[in-house]
Amino acid sequence: HYTNLEVASEYFKSGADKISIGSDTICATEEYLRTGVKSGTSSLEQISKVYGNQVYILDVFATDMFIF
């Protein structure tokens, strides 16, 4: 099992200049909105500490949920 940081590192070593992050973005945002504190443990935070904030392309698919 590889961490998201390790996987991202391999992409960057192979020549990528951006990576796509999906569901972890939602989880990190929900956690931040709930607590008001950055955890420092999300993939987003760990990768940006090493490679900077400019390396992300956020890939979010929104769906409508209706509760009756």
PDB file of N, CA and C in Angstrom:
ATOM      1  N   HIS A   1       0.841  -1.183   0.000  1.00  0.00           N
ATOM      2  CA  HIS A   1       0.000   0.000   0.000  1.00  0.00           C
ATOM      3  C   HIS A   1       0.882   1.241   0.000  1.00  0.00           C
ATOM      4  N   TYR A   2       0.598   2.168  -0.885  1.00  0.00           N
ATOM      5  CA  TYR A   2       1.364   3.403  -1.007  1.00  0.00           C
ATOM      6  C   TYR A   2       0.528   4.578  -0.528  1.00  0.00           C
ATOM      7  N   THR A   3       1.170   5.556   0.070  1.00  0.00           N
ATOM      8  CA  THR A   3       0.452   6.763   0.471  1.00  0.00           C
ATOM      9  C   THR A   3       0.194   7.620  -0.769  1.00  0.00           C
ATOM     10  N   ASN A   4      -0.757   8.531  -0.655  1.00  0.00           N
ATOM     11  CA  ASN A   4      -1.036   9.427  -1.766  1.00  0.00           C
ATOM     12  C   ASN A   4       0.167  10.307  -2.089  1.00  0.00           C
ATOM     13  N   LEU A   5       0.938  10.672  -1.078  1.00  0.00           N
ATOM     14  CA  LEU A   5       2.152  11.452  -1.305  1.00  0.00           C
ATOM     15  C   LEU A   5       3.163  10.650  -2.112  1.00  0.00           C
ATOM     16  N   GLU A   6       3.311   9.371  -1.805  1.00  0.00           N
ATOM     17  CA  GLU A   6       4.240   8.522  -2.555  1.00  0.00           C
ATOM     18  C   GLU A   6       3.794   8.372  -4.009  1.00  0.00           C
ATOM     19  N   VAL A   7       2.510   8.198  -4.223  1.00  0.00           N
ATOM     20  CA  VAL A   7       1.985   8.073  -5.583  1.00  0.00           C
ATOM     21  C   VAL A   7       2.197   9.375  -6.349  1.00  0.00           C
ATOM     22  N   ALA A   8       1.874  10.502  -5.713  1.00  0.00           N
ATOM     23  CA  ALA A   8       2.074  11.804  -6.355  1.00  0.00           C
ATOM     24  C   ALA A   8       3.542  12.007  -6.700  1.00  0.00           C
ATOM     25  N   SER A   9       4.430  11.629  -5.807  1.00  0.00           N
ATOM     26  CA  SER A   9       5.867  11.767  -6.049  1.00  0.00           C
ATOM     27  C   SER A   9       6.295  11.003  -7.295  1.00  0.00           C
ATOM     28  N   GLU A  10       5.767   9.812  -7.467  1.00  0.00           N
ATOM     29  CA  GLU A  10       6.100   9.018  -8.662  1.00  0.00           C
ATOM     30  C   GLU A  10       5.598   9.692  -9.935  1.00  0.00           C
ATOM     31  N   TYR A  11       4.405  10.262  -9.879  1.00  0.00           N
ATOM     32  CA  TYR A  11       3.890  11.000 -11.049  1.00  0.00           C
ATOM     33  C   TYR A  11       4.804  12.172 -11.388  1.00  0.00           C
ATOM     34  N   PHE A  12       5.217  12.930 -10.375  1.00  0.00           N
ATOM     35  CA  PHE A  12       6.075  14.085 -10.620  1.00  0.00           C
ATOM     36  C   PHE A  12       7.451  13.663 -11.123  1.00  0.00           C
ATOM     37  N   LYS A  13       7.984  12.575 -10.588  1.00  0.00           N
ATOM     38  CA  LYS A  13       9.268  12.062 -11.075  1.00  0.00           C
ATOM     39  C   LYS A  13       9.173  11.619 -12.531  1.00  0.00           C
ATOM     40  N   SER A  14       7.969  11.203 -12.949  1.00  0.00           N
ATOM     41  CA  SER A  14       7.758  10.741 -14.318  1.00  0.00           C
ATOM     42  C   SER A  14       7.460  11.883 -15.278  1.00  0.00           C
ATOM     43  N   GLY A  15       7.413  13.117 -14.759  1.00  0.00           N
ATOM     44  CA  GLY A  15       7.241  14.264 -15.644  1.00  0.00           C
ATOM     45  C   GLY A  15       5.940  15.019 -15.519  1.00  0.00           C
ATOM     46  N   ALA A  16       5.026  14.563 -14.686  1.00  0.00           N
ATOM     47  CA  ALA A  16       3.756  15.283 -14.525  1.00  0.00           C
ATOM     48  C   ALA A  16       4.011  16.622 -13.830  1.00  0.00           C
ATOM     49  N   ASP A  17       3.234  17.637 -14.216  1.00  0.00           N
ATOM     50  CA  ASP A  17       3.350  18.913 -13.514  1.00  0.00           C
ATOM     51  C   ASP A  17       2.097  19.234 -12.719  1.00  0.00           C
ATOM     52  N   LYS A  18       1.048  18.430 -12.891  1.00  0.00           N
ATOM     53  CA  LYS A  18      -0.202  18.581 -12.143  1.00  0.00           C
ATOM     54  C   LYS A  18      -0.736  17.189 -11.823  1.00  0.00           C
ATOM     55  N   ILE A  19      -1.512  17.100 -10.724  1.00  0.00           N
ATOM     56  CA  ILE A  19      -2.209  15.866 -10.399  1.00  0.00           C
ATOM     57  C   ILE A  19      -3.662  16.189 -10.099  1.00  0.00           C
ATOM     58  N   SER A  20      -4.506  15.219 -10.267  1.00  0.00           N
ATOM     59  CA  SER A  20      -5.934  15.380 -10.012  1.00  0.00           C
ATOM     60  C   SER A  20      -6.278  14.747  -8.671  1.00  0.00           C
ATOM     61  N   ILE A  21      -6.954  15.509  -7.832  1.00  0.00           N
ATOM     62  CA  ILE A  21      -7.375  15.021  -6.512  1.00  0.00           C
ATOM     63  C   ILE A  21      -8.894  15.079  -6.478  1.00  0.00           C
ATOM     64  N   GLY A  22      -9.543  14.026  -6.035  1.00  0.00           N
ATOM     65  CA  GLY A  22     -10.999  13.980  -6.033  1.00  0.00           C
ATOM     66  C   GLY A  22     -11.609  13.992  -4.658  1.00  0.00           C
ATOM     67  N   SER A  23     -11.991  12.822  -4.169  1.00  0.00           N
ATOM     68  CA  SER A  23     -12.788  12.716  -2.949  1.00  0.00           C
ATOM     69  C   SER A  23     -12.066  13.219  -1.706  1.00  0.00           C
ATOM     70  N   ASP A  24     -10.748  13.163  -1.683  1.00  0.00           N
ATOM     71  CA  ASP A  24     -10.025  13.664  -0.514  1.00  0.00           C
ATOM     72  C   ASP A  24     -10.244  15.166  -0.338  1.00  0.00           C
ATOM     73  N   THR A  25     -10.460  15.855  -1.452  1.00  0.00           N
ATOM     74  CA  THR A  25     -10.755  17.284  -1.389  1.00  0.00           C
ATOM     75  C   THR A  25     -12.024  17.536  -0.593  1.00  0.00           C
ATOM     76  N   ILE A  26     -13.045  16.756  -0.873  1.00  0.00           N
ATOM     77  CA  ILE A  26     -14.321  16.900  -0.177  1.00  0.00           C
ATOM     78  C   ILE A  26     -14.162  16.572   1.304  1.00  0.00           C
ATOM     79  N   CYS A  27     -13.489  15.477   1.600  1.00  0.00           N
ATOM     80  CA  CYS A  27     -13.302  15.074   3.000  1.00  0.00           C
ATOM     81  C   CYS A  27     -12.517  16.119   3.783  1.00  0.00           C
ATOM     82  N   ALA A  28     -11.444  16.648   3.194  1.00  0.00           N
ATOM     83  CA  ALA A  28     -10.634  17.657   3.878  1.00  0.00           C
ATOM     84  C   ALA A  28     -11.432  18.932   4.102  1.00  0.00           C
ATOM     85  N   THR A  29     -12.233  19.324   3.118  1.00  0.00           N
ATOM     86  CA  THR A  29     -13.052  20.535   3.244  1.00  0.00           C
ATOM     87  C   THR A  29     -14.124  20.363   4.305  1.00  0.00           C
ATOM     88  N   GLU A  30     -14.802  19.226   4.295  1.00  0.00           N
ATOM     89  CA  GLU A  30     -15.830  18.968   5.310  1.00  0.00           C
ATOM     90  C   GLU A  30     -15.243  18.979   6.714  1.00  0.00           C
ATOM     91  N   GLU A  31     -14.075  18.376   6.878  1.00  0.00           N
ATOM     92  CA  GLU A  31     -13.406  18.352   8.182  1.00  0.00           C
ATOM     93  C   GLU A  31     -13.048  19.769   8.627  1.00  0.00           C
ATOM     94  N   TYR A  32     -12.512  20.559   7.701  1.00  0.00           N
ATOM     95  CA  TYR A  32     -12.145  21.928   8.038  1.00  0.00           C
ATOM     96  C   TYR A  32     -13.377  22.761   8.408  1.00  0.00           C
ATOM     97  N   LEU A  33     -14.454  22.613   7.651  1.00  0.00           N
ATOM     98  CA  LEU A  33     -15.671  23.369   7.944  1.00  0.00           C
ATOM     99  C   LEU A  33     -16.281  22.948   9.283  1.00  0.00           C
ATOM    100  N   ARG A  34     -16.163  21.678   9.619  1.00  0.00           N
ATOM    101  CA  ARG A  34     -16.707  21.171  10.878  1.00  0.00           C
ATOM    102  C   ARG A  34     -15.893  21.642  12.079  1.00  0.00           C
ATOM    103  N   THR A  35     -14.555  21.626  11.949  1.00  0.00           N
ATOM    104  CA  THR A  35     -13.693  21.918  13.102  1.00  0.00           C
ATOM    105  C   THR A  35     -13.071  23.309  13.070  1.00  0.00           C
ATOM    106  N   GLY A  36     -12.921  23.878  11.868  1.00  0.00           N
ATOM    107  CA  GLY A  36     -12.245  25.164  11.732  1.00  0.00           C
ATOM    108  C   GLY A  36     -10.738  25.063  11.846  1.00  0.00           C
ATOM    109  N   VAL A  37     -10.217  23.820  11.810  1.00  0.00           N
ATOM    110  CA  VAL A  37      -8.778  23.589  11.975  1.00  0.00           C
ATOM    111  C   VAL A  37      -8.291  22.684  10.849  1.00  0.00           C
ATOM    112  N   LYS A  38      -7.152  23.045  10.254  1.00  0.00           N
ATOM    113  CA  LYS A  38      -6.535  22.168   9.268  1.00  0.00           C
ATOM    114  C   LYS A  38      -5.853  21.024  10.003  1.00  0.00           C
ATOM    115  N   SER A  39      -6.112  19.807   9.570  1.00  0.00           N
ATOM    116  CA  SER A  39      -5.557  18.640  10.264  1.00  0.00           C
ATOM    117  C   SER A  39      -4.096  18.392   9.922  1.00  0.00           C
ATOM    118  N   GLY A  40      -3.709  18.745   8.706  1.00  0.00           N
ATOM    119  CA  GLY A  40      -2.346  18.468   8.258  1.00  0.00           C
ATOM    120  C   GLY A  40      -2.148  17.046   7.791  1.00  0.00           C
ATOM    121  N   THR A  41      -3.194  16.226   7.875  1.00  0.00           N
ATOM    122  CA  THR A  41      -3.062  14.813   7.513  1.00  0.00           C
ATOM    123  C   THR A  41      -3.700  14.456   6.177  1.00  0.00           C
ATOM    124  N   SER A  42      -4.451  15.371   5.580  1.00  0.00           N
ATOM    125  CA  SER A  42      -5.099  15.041   4.306  1.00  0.00           C
ATOM    126  C   SER A  42      -4.058  14.985   3.191  1.00  0.00           C
ATOM    127  N   SER A  43      -4.379  14.282   2.131  1.00  0.00           N
ATOM    128  CA  SER A  43      -3.491  14.201   0.968  1.00  0.00           C
ATOM    129  C   SER A  43      -3.199  15.592   0.433  1.00  0.00           C
ATOM    130  N   LEU A  44      -4.237  16.401   0.391  1.00  0.00           N
ATOM    131  CA  LEU A  44      -4.107  17.774  -0.102  1.00  0.00           C
ATOM    132  C   LEU A  44      -3.021  18.528   0.657  1.00  0.00           C
ATOM    133  N   GLU A  45      -3.082  18.475   1.960  1.00  0.00           N
ATOM    134  CA  GLU A  45      -2.120  19.203   2.794  1.00  0.00           C
ATOM    135  C   GLU A  45      -0.716  18.606   2.700  1.00  0.00           C
ATOM    136  N   GLN A  46      -0.616  17.297   2.716  1.00  0.00           N
ATOM    137  CA  GLN A  46       0.695  16.651   2.679  1.00  0.00           C
ATOM    138  C   GLN A  46       1.415  16.903   1.358  1.00  0.00           C
ATOM    139  N   ILE A  47       0.687  16.761   0.256  1.00  0.00           N
ATOM    140  CA  ILE A  47       1.309  16.964  -1.060  1.00  0.00           C
ATOM    141  C   ILE A  47       1.657  18.427  -1.262  1.00  0.00           C
ATOM    142  N   SER A  48       0.795  19.341  -0.823  1.00  0.00           N
ATOM    143  CA  SER A  48       1.087  20.763  -1.018  1.00  0.00           C
ATOM    144  C   SER A  48       2.277  21.216  -0.168  1.00  0.00           C
ATOM    145  N   LYS A  49       2.514  20.589   0.966  1.00  0.00           N
ATOM    146  CA  LYS A  49       3.697  20.921   1.774  1.00  0.00           C
ATOM    147  C   LYS A  49       4.981  20.615   1.008  1.00  0.00           C
ATOM    148  N   VAL A  50       4.952  19.545   0.224  1.00  0.00           N
ATOM    149  CA  VAL A  50       6.147  19.122  -0.501  1.00  0.00           C
ATOM    150  C   VAL A  50       6.257  19.808  -1.867  1.00  0.00           C
ATOM    151  N   TYR A  51       5.128  19.896  -2.599  1.00  0.00           N
ATOM    152  CA  TYR A  51       5.167  20.349  -3.989  1.00  0.00           C
ATOM    153  C   TYR A  51       4.500  21.698  -4.242  1.00  0.00           C
ATOM    154  N   GLY A  52       3.799  22.240  -3.268  1.00  0.00           N
ATOM    155  CA  GLY A  52       3.126  23.527  -3.441  1.00  0.00           C
ATOM    156  C   GLY A  52       1.670  23.378  -3.846  1.00  0.00           C
ATOM    157  N   ASN A  53       0.917  24.460  -3.681  1.00  0.00           N
ATOM    158  CA  ASN A  53      -0.520  24.437  -3.971  1.00  0.00           C
ATOM    159  C   ASN A  53      -0.844  24.417  -5.455  1.00  0.00           C
ATOM    160  N   GLN A  54       0.093  24.782  -6.296  1.00  0.00           N
ATOM    161  CA  GLN A  54      -0.169  24.909  -7.725  1.00  0.00           C
ATOM    162  C   GLN A  54      -0.242  23.569  -8.447  1.00  0.00           C
ATOM    163  N   VAL A  55       0.016  22.460  -7.787  1.00  0.00           N
ATOM    164  CA  VAL A  55       0.094  21.164  -8.461  1.00  0.00           C
ATOM    165  C   VAL A  55      -1.252  20.453  -8.588  1.00  0.00           C
ATOM    166  N   TYR A  56      -2.316  21.063  -8.099  1.00  0.00           N
ATOM    167  CA  TYR A  56      -3.613  20.378  -8.059  1.00  0.00           C
ATOM    168  C   TYR A  56      -4.547  20.763  -9.183  1.00  0.00           C
ATOM    169  N   ILE A  57      -5.262  19.777  -9.645  1.00  0.00           N
ATOM    170  CA  ILE A  57      -6.464  19.972 -10.434  1.00  0.00           C
ATOM    171  C   ILE A  57      -7.544  19.250  -9.638  1.00  0.00           C
ATOM    172  N   LEU A  58      -8.499  19.995  -9.141  1.00  0.00           N
ATOM    173  CA  LEU A  58      -9.547  19.382  -8.329  1.00  0.00           C
ATOM    174  C   LEU A  58     -10.579  18.756  -9.244  1.00  0.00           C
ATOM    175  N   ASP A  59     -10.857  17.515  -9.010  1.00  0.00           N
ATOM    176  CA  ASP A  59     -11.751  16.729  -9.845  1.00  0.00           C
ATOM    177  C   ASP A  59     -12.938  16.310  -8.989  1.00  0.00           C
ATOM    178  N   VAL A  60     -13.994  17.112  -9.029  1.00  0.00           N
ATOM    179  CA  VAL A  60     -15.146  16.861  -8.166  1.00  0.00           C
ATOM    180  C   VAL A  60     -16.387  16.679  -9.031  1.00  0.00           C
ATOM    181  N   PHE A  61     -17.090  15.588  -8.819  1.00  0.00           N
ATOM    182  CA  PHE A  61     -18.345  15.332  -9.499  1.00  0.00           C
ATOM    183  C   PHE A  61     -19.475  15.536  -8.509  1.00  0.00           C
ATOM    184  N   ALA A  62     -20.257  16.549  -8.739  1.00  0.00           N
ATOM    185  CA  ALA A  62     -21.361  16.848  -7.824  1.00  0.00           C
ATOM    186  C   ALA A  62     -22.622  16.123  -8.283  1.00  0.00           C
ATOM    187  N   THR A  63     -23.366  15.610  -7.321  1.00  0.00           N
ATOM    188  CA  THR A  63     -24.646  14.979  -7.616  1.00  0.00           C
ATOM    189  C   THR A  63     -25.702  15.605  -6.724  1.00  0.00           C
ATOM    190  N   ASP A  64     -26.897  15.602  -7.199  1.00  0.00           N
ATOM    191  CA  ASP A  64     -28.007  16.129  -6.396  1.00  0.00           C
ATOM    192  C   ASP A  64     -28.590  15.016  -5.555  1.00  0.00           C
ATOM    193  N   MET A  65     -28.817  15.323  -4.301  1.00  0.00           N
ATOM    194  CA  MET A  65     -29.453  14.354  -3.408  1.00  0.00           C
ATOM    195  C   MET A  65     -30.723  15.015  -2.849  1.00  0.00           C
ATOM    196  N   PHE A  66     -31.813  14.352  -3.004  1.00  0.00           N
ATOM    197  CA  PHE A  66     -33.069  14.888  -2.508  1.00  0.00           C
ATOM    198  C   PHE A  66     -33.579  14.003  -1.378  1.00  0.00           C
ATOM    199  N   ILE A  67     -33.904  14.628  -0.265  1.00  0.00           N
ATOM    200  CA  ILE A  67     -34.458  13.896   0.863  1.00  0.00           C
ATOM    201  C   ILE A  67     -35.910  14.329   1.026  1.00  0.00           C
ATOM    202  N   PHE A  68     -36.795  13.375   1.001  1.00  0.00           N
ATOM    203  CA  PHE A  68     -38.226  13.688   1.132  1.00  0.00           C
ATOM    204  C   PHE A  68     -38.751  13.234   2.473  1.00  0.00           C
TER     205      PHE A  68
END
